[in-house]
N, C-alpha and C. Protein backbone atom coordinates (compact mmCIF):
# COMPACT_ATOMS: atom_id res chain seq x y z
N MET A 1 -7.64 14.43 -5.30
CA MET A 1 -8.61 14.07 -4.29
C MET A 1 -8.69 12.55 -4.22
N GLY A 2 -9.00 12.05 -3.05
CA GLY A 2 -9.08 10.61 -2.87
C GLY A 2 -9.72 10.26 -1.54
N LEU A 3 -9.51 9.02 -1.17
CA LEU A 3 -10.12 8.47 0.03
C LEU A 3 -9.03 8.03 1.01
N ILE A 4 -9.19 8.36 2.26
CA ILE A 4 -8.21 7.94 3.28
C ILE A 4 -8.53 6.53 3.75
N VAL A 5 -7.50 5.69 3.81
CA VAL A 5 -7.62 4.33 4.32
C VAL A 5 -6.69 4.17 5.51
N SER A 6 -7.05 3.25 6.39
CA SER A 6 -6.22 2.97 7.57
C SER A 6 -5.25 1.84 7.28
N VAL A 7 -4.03 1.99 7.75
CA VAL A 7 -3.01 0.94 7.60
C VAL A 7 -3.15 -0.04 8.75
N LEU A 8 -3.16 -1.32 8.41
CA LEU A 8 -3.27 -2.39 9.40
C LEU A 8 -1.96 -3.17 9.39
N ARG A 9 -1.34 -3.29 10.57
CA ARG A 9 -0.07 -4.01 10.66
C ARG A 9 -0.02 -4.82 11.94
N ASP A 10 0.77 -5.87 11.93
CA ASP A 10 0.97 -6.71 13.10
C ASP A 10 2.13 -6.13 13.90
N SER A 11 1.84 -5.61 15.08
CA SER A 11 2.88 -4.96 15.88
C SER A 11 3.92 -5.96 16.39
N ASP A 12 3.58 -7.23 16.48
CA ASP A 12 4.54 -8.24 16.95
C ASP A 12 5.50 -8.68 15.85
N LEU A 13 5.10 -8.55 14.61
CA LEU A 13 5.89 -9.04 13.48
C LEU A 13 7.08 -8.15 13.17
N GLY A 14 6.96 -6.86 13.38
CA GLY A 14 8.02 -5.94 13.01
C GLY A 14 7.84 -5.49 11.57
N ASP A 15 8.77 -4.69 11.08
CA ASP A 15 8.66 -4.14 9.74
C ASP A 15 9.21 -5.10 8.70
N CYS A 16 8.36 -5.59 7.83
CA CYS A 16 8.78 -6.44 6.72
C CYS A 16 8.73 -5.68 5.39
N THR A 17 8.48 -4.37 5.45
CA THR A 17 8.39 -3.56 4.25
C THR A 17 9.73 -2.96 3.83
N ALA A 18 10.75 -3.15 4.63
CA ALA A 18 12.06 -2.53 4.37
C ALA A 18 11.94 -1.01 4.33
N GLY A 19 11.13 -0.47 5.23
CA GLY A 19 10.98 0.98 5.32
C GLY A 19 9.91 1.56 4.41
N GLY A 20 8.98 0.72 3.95
CA GLY A 20 7.91 1.20 3.07
C GLY A 20 6.99 2.18 3.77
N ILE A 21 6.13 2.85 3.00
CA ILE A 21 5.28 3.89 3.58
C ILE A 21 4.33 3.36 4.64
N SER A 22 3.91 2.09 4.52
CA SER A 22 2.98 1.57 5.52
C SER A 22 3.65 1.28 6.85
N SER A 23 4.98 1.32 6.89
CA SER A 23 5.68 1.18 8.17
C SER A 23 5.82 2.53 8.87
N LYS A 24 5.59 3.61 8.15
CA LYS A 24 5.81 4.95 8.68
C LYS A 24 4.53 5.74 8.93
N PHE A 25 3.43 5.33 8.27
CA PHE A 25 2.18 6.09 8.35
C PHE A 25 1.03 5.18 8.74
N ASN A 26 0.08 5.73 9.46
CA ASN A 26 -1.11 4.99 9.87
C ASN A 26 -2.26 5.15 8.89
N LYS A 27 -2.12 6.10 7.97
CA LYS A 27 -3.15 6.35 6.98
C LYS A 27 -2.51 6.62 5.63
N LEU A 28 -3.20 6.26 4.56
CA LEU A 28 -2.79 6.58 3.20
C LEU A 28 -3.97 7.22 2.49
N THR A 29 -3.69 8.06 1.50
CA THR A 29 -4.75 8.65 0.68
C THR A 29 -4.71 7.97 -0.68
N VAL A 30 -5.74 7.19 -0.96
CA VAL A 30 -5.84 6.47 -2.23
C VAL A 30 -6.46 7.43 -3.24
N ILE A 31 -5.62 7.95 -4.13
CA ILE A 31 -6.03 9.07 -4.98
C ILE A 31 -6.87 8.66 -6.19
N ASN A 32 -6.96 7.37 -6.49
CA ASN A 32 -7.80 6.96 -7.62
C ASN A 32 -9.12 6.33 -7.15
N VAL A 33 -9.49 6.57 -5.90
CA VAL A 33 -10.80 6.20 -5.37
C VAL A 33 -11.50 7.51 -5.02
N PRO A 34 -12.73 7.70 -5.50
CA PRO A 34 -13.42 8.97 -5.25
C PRO A 34 -13.52 9.30 -3.76
N GLY A 35 -13.18 10.49 -3.41
CA GLY A 35 -13.26 10.94 -2.03
C GLY A 35 -12.88 12.40 -1.92
N PRO A 36 -13.10 13.00 -0.76
CA PRO A 36 -12.90 14.44 -0.59
C PRO A 36 -11.52 14.84 -0.08
N PHE A 37 -10.58 13.90 0.02
CA PHE A 37 -9.32 14.19 0.69
C PHE A 37 -8.15 14.31 -0.27
N ASP A 38 -7.25 15.23 0.05
CA ASP A 38 -5.98 15.36 -0.66
C ASP A 38 -4.90 14.66 0.17
N PRO A 39 -3.85 14.14 -0.49
CA PRO A 39 -2.74 13.59 0.29
C PRO A 39 -2.14 14.66 1.20
N THR A 40 -1.66 14.22 2.34
CA THR A 40 -1.03 15.12 3.31
C THR A 40 0.28 14.49 3.76
N PRO A 41 1.11 15.24 4.50
CA PRO A 41 2.32 14.64 5.04
C PRO A 41 2.05 13.45 5.97
N ASP A 42 0.85 13.42 6.57
CA ASP A 42 0.49 12.31 7.46
C ASP A 42 -0.27 11.19 6.76
N ALA A 43 -0.70 11.41 5.53
CA ALA A 43 -1.44 10.41 4.75
C ALA A 43 -1.01 10.53 3.29
N PRO A 44 0.18 9.97 2.94
CA PRO A 44 0.72 10.14 1.59
C PRO A 44 -0.12 9.44 0.52
N ALA A 45 0.14 9.82 -0.72
CA ALA A 45 -0.62 9.31 -1.86
C ALA A 45 -0.25 7.88 -2.20
N ALA A 46 -1.29 7.11 -2.53
CA ALA A 46 -1.15 5.74 -3.01
C ALA A 46 -2.27 5.49 -4.01
N VAL A 47 -2.18 4.39 -4.76
CA VAL A 47 -3.22 4.05 -5.72
C VAL A 47 -3.65 2.60 -5.54
N LEU A 48 -4.89 2.34 -5.87
CA LEU A 48 -5.46 1.00 -5.87
C LEU A 48 -5.28 0.44 -7.27
N GLU A 49 -4.67 -0.75 -7.37
CA GLU A 49 -4.40 -1.37 -8.67
C GLU A 49 -4.85 -2.82 -8.67
N ASN A 50 -5.01 -3.35 -9.88
CA ASN A 50 -5.26 -4.78 -10.00
C ASN A 50 -4.00 -5.53 -9.62
N GLY A 51 -4.18 -6.60 -8.86
CA GLY A 51 -3.07 -7.45 -8.46
C GLY A 51 -3.15 -8.78 -9.18
N PRO A 52 -2.35 -9.74 -8.76
CA PRO A 52 -2.34 -11.05 -9.40
C PRO A 52 -3.62 -11.84 -9.12
N LEU A 53 -4.03 -12.64 -10.08
CA LEU A 53 -5.14 -13.58 -9.93
C LEU A 53 -6.44 -12.90 -9.49
N GLY A 54 -6.70 -11.73 -10.02
CA GLY A 54 -7.95 -11.04 -9.73
C GLY A 54 -7.99 -10.30 -8.40
N SER A 55 -6.87 -10.24 -7.71
CA SER A 55 -6.82 -9.52 -6.43
C SER A 55 -6.60 -8.03 -6.67
N MET A 56 -6.64 -7.26 -5.61
CA MET A 56 -6.34 -5.84 -5.66
C MET A 56 -5.16 -5.57 -4.76
N LYS A 57 -4.45 -4.48 -5.03
CA LYS A 57 -3.33 -4.08 -4.18
C LYS A 57 -3.26 -2.57 -4.15
N ILE A 58 -2.63 -2.05 -3.10
CA ILE A 58 -2.38 -0.62 -2.97
C ILE A 58 -0.88 -0.42 -3.08
N VAL A 59 -0.47 0.53 -3.93
CA VAL A 59 0.95 0.82 -4.12
C VAL A 59 1.19 2.32 -3.93
N PRO A 60 2.36 2.69 -3.42
CA PRO A 60 2.67 4.11 -3.28
C PRO A 60 2.81 4.77 -4.65
N VAL A 61 2.53 6.05 -4.71
CA VAL A 61 2.65 6.79 -5.96
C VAL A 61 4.12 6.94 -6.36
N PHE A 62 4.97 7.16 -5.39
CA PHE A 62 6.38 7.41 -5.67
C PHE A 62 7.21 6.18 -5.39
N LYS A 63 7.99 5.76 -6.39
CA LYS A 63 8.87 4.60 -6.28
C LYS A 63 10.31 5.10 -6.10
N PRO A 64 11.04 4.56 -5.11
CA PRO A 64 12.44 4.95 -4.96
C PRO A 64 13.25 4.56 -6.20
N GLU A 65 14.08 5.45 -6.68
CA GLU A 65 14.88 5.18 -7.87
C GLU A 65 15.87 4.06 -7.62
N GLY A 66 16.12 3.28 -8.66
CA GLY A 66 17.12 2.21 -8.59
C GLY A 66 16.69 1.02 -7.77
N THR A 67 15.38 0.81 -7.63
CA THR A 67 14.90 -0.31 -6.81
C THR A 67 13.98 -1.22 -7.62
N ILE A 68 13.78 -2.40 -7.09
CA ILE A 68 12.84 -3.37 -7.66
C ILE A 68 11.63 -3.40 -6.75
N GLY A 69 10.47 -3.44 -7.34
CA GLY A 69 9.24 -3.47 -6.57
C GLY A 69 8.17 -2.70 -7.29
N PRO A 70 7.06 -2.54 -6.67
CA PRO A 70 6.76 -2.83 -5.27
C PRO A 70 6.39 -4.29 -5.04
N MET A 71 6.62 -4.72 -3.80
CA MET A 71 6.30 -6.06 -3.35
C MET A 71 5.47 -5.97 -2.08
N PHE A 72 4.76 -7.03 -1.76
CA PHE A 72 3.97 -7.07 -0.53
C PHE A 72 4.91 -7.10 0.66
N GLY A 73 4.67 -6.20 1.62
CA GLY A 73 5.51 -6.11 2.80
C GLY A 73 4.83 -6.57 4.08
N GLY A 74 3.63 -7.15 3.98
CA GLY A 74 2.96 -7.69 5.15
C GLY A 74 1.86 -6.84 5.74
N ASN A 75 1.68 -5.62 5.26
CA ASN A 75 0.65 -4.74 5.81
C ASN A 75 -0.53 -4.62 4.86
N TYR A 76 -1.66 -4.23 5.42
CA TYR A 76 -2.92 -4.11 4.68
C TYR A 76 -3.52 -2.73 4.92
N ALA A 77 -4.49 -2.37 4.07
CA ALA A 77 -5.24 -1.13 4.26
C ALA A 77 -6.73 -1.43 4.13
N ALA A 78 -7.53 -0.70 4.89
CA ALA A 78 -8.98 -0.90 4.86
C ALA A 78 -9.69 0.41 5.16
N SER A 79 -10.95 0.44 4.76
CA SER A 79 -11.81 1.58 5.06
C SER A 79 -13.24 1.07 5.16
N SER A 80 -14.01 1.68 6.04
CA SER A 80 -15.42 1.33 6.14
C SER A 80 -16.26 2.09 5.13
N ASP A 81 -15.65 2.98 4.37
CA ASP A 81 -16.37 3.79 3.38
C ASP A 81 -16.77 2.90 2.20
N SER A 82 -18.02 2.98 1.79
CA SER A 82 -18.52 2.13 0.71
C SER A 82 -17.85 2.43 -0.63
N ARG A 83 -17.28 3.61 -0.79
CA ARG A 83 -16.57 3.92 -2.04
C ARG A 83 -15.32 3.06 -2.18
N PHE A 84 -14.67 2.73 -1.07
CA PHE A 84 -13.51 1.85 -1.12
C PHE A 84 -13.94 0.43 -1.47
N ARG A 85 -15.01 -0.04 -0.87
CA ARG A 85 -15.52 -1.37 -1.17
C ARG A 85 -15.89 -1.48 -2.64
N LYS A 86 -16.53 -0.46 -3.17
CA LYS A 86 -16.93 -0.48 -4.57
C LYS A 86 -15.70 -0.50 -5.48
N ALA A 87 -14.70 0.30 -5.18
CA ALA A 87 -13.49 0.36 -6.01
C ALA A 87 -12.69 -0.95 -5.94
N ALA A 88 -12.61 -1.53 -4.74
CA ALA A 88 -11.85 -2.77 -4.57
C ALA A 88 -12.61 -3.99 -5.08
N GLY A 89 -13.93 -3.89 -5.12
CA GLY A 89 -14.73 -5.02 -5.59
C GLY A 89 -15.12 -6.00 -4.51
N PHE A 90 -14.77 -5.69 -3.27
CA PHE A 90 -15.13 -6.54 -2.14
C PHE A 90 -14.99 -5.72 -0.86
N TYR A 91 -15.56 -6.21 0.21
CA TYR A 91 -15.43 -5.57 1.51
C TYR A 91 -14.34 -6.29 2.29
N GLY A 92 -13.28 -5.59 2.62
CA GLY A 92 -12.19 -6.19 3.38
C GLY A 92 -10.91 -5.41 3.19
N ALA A 93 -9.85 -5.94 3.75
CA ALA A 93 -8.55 -5.27 3.67
C ALA A 93 -7.84 -5.63 2.36
N VAL A 94 -7.04 -4.69 1.88
CA VAL A 94 -6.29 -4.84 0.64
C VAL A 94 -4.80 -4.83 0.98
N ALA A 95 -4.05 -5.73 0.37
CA ALA A 95 -2.61 -5.80 0.59
C ALA A 95 -1.92 -4.53 0.09
N ILE A 96 -0.98 -4.03 0.89
CA ILE A 96 -0.17 -2.87 0.49
C ILE A 96 1.15 -3.39 -0.05
N HIS A 97 1.45 -3.04 -1.28
CA HIS A 97 2.72 -3.43 -1.91
C HIS A 97 3.64 -2.22 -1.87
N ASP A 98 4.41 -2.11 -0.80
CA ASP A 98 5.27 -0.93 -0.62
C ASP A 98 6.70 -1.31 -0.25
N ARG A 99 7.07 -2.55 -0.49
CA ARG A 99 8.45 -2.98 -0.24
C ARG A 99 9.25 -2.82 -1.53
N PHE A 100 10.36 -2.12 -1.45
CA PHE A 100 11.26 -1.94 -2.58
C PHE A 100 12.64 -2.42 -2.15
N GLU A 101 13.35 -3.09 -3.05
CA GLU A 101 14.68 -3.62 -2.75
C GLU A 101 15.65 -3.22 -3.84
N SER A 102 16.93 -3.17 -3.47
CA SER A 102 17.96 -2.99 -4.48
C SER A 102 18.08 -4.30 -5.26
N GLN A 103 18.69 -4.25 -6.42
CA GLN A 103 18.88 -5.46 -7.23
C GLN A 103 19.67 -6.50 -6.44
N GLU A 104 20.69 -6.06 -5.71
CA GLU A 104 21.52 -6.99 -4.94
C GLU A 104 20.70 -7.66 -3.83
N MET A 105 19.90 -6.89 -3.12
CA MET A 105 19.08 -7.46 -2.05
C MET A 105 18.04 -8.41 -2.62
N TYR A 106 17.45 -8.04 -3.73
CA TYR A 106 16.46 -8.89 -4.39
C TYR A 106 17.07 -10.24 -4.76
N GLU A 107 18.26 -10.22 -5.36
CA GLU A 107 18.92 -11.47 -5.74
C GLU A 107 19.29 -12.31 -4.52
N LEU A 108 19.75 -11.66 -3.46
CA LEU A 108 20.13 -12.37 -2.24
C LEU A 108 18.93 -13.07 -1.62
N LEU A 109 17.79 -12.40 -1.57
CA LEU A 109 16.60 -12.96 -0.91
C LEU A 109 15.77 -13.86 -1.82
N SER A 110 16.06 -13.88 -3.11
CA SER A 110 15.26 -14.66 -4.07
C SER A 110 15.78 -16.07 -4.29
N TYR A 111 16.91 -16.41 -3.75
CA TYR A 111 17.46 -17.75 -3.98
C TYR A 111 17.21 -18.66 -2.84
């Protein structure tokens, strides 16, 4: 069980997630935030985690095998539900880290 959040993306920017879940779905089910919803094919499972420097991030539950990540892909998630605000520690959008790369792609883009 969890809470459904809405995916926020810039339609002019295009997909910077390399095919991450936030490029394919408009909603995610954050399963470690109290709520009445189960993940569905239209709202896959994700978790809210601590990020760098005291920030929070949302990451997919399932990681593609043989990849590096997750990394921030440019999209955010938000909910007006107070349970999300309480879990995140602030009111606002949370970065979705759903970009995964092969080792070769990671090395190519990291230099």
